[in-house]
């Protein structure tokens, strides 16, 4: 299962994560509501991750030109359990995730390396 939030290992890994993103359609997106849509260069990828290109060829090339590429994080506020209920409590708790991201950017946040990226340690949430 993909965690709520994780940090890409590096720029190329982040570009890959962006290219593999999907989003569930809503009333704001044309088409049937609730269908998972894959559109790495579209609105979902830009609003969720970055305004830079997310396709592997242009994104990786851009990363090589950057002296200090920004960190890339992936957050899924809308994970659901087997009964279809949201796992994350919502807006009142979102600051914990954002705090960890800012701390990681500043070099202070604690993380554990996993196969998919760096995830917050249990003490990293406090």
Foldseek 3Di string as FASTA:
>chain_A
DDDQKFWAPAQLLLLVVLQADWDADDPVDDDDGGDIGRDSQDDVSCVQWHVARSHNPRSVVVRVVDPDDAITMGGDQADADPVRHGPHPDDVQVVLVVVLVVCVRVVHADWDQDPSHTDHDPVSSD
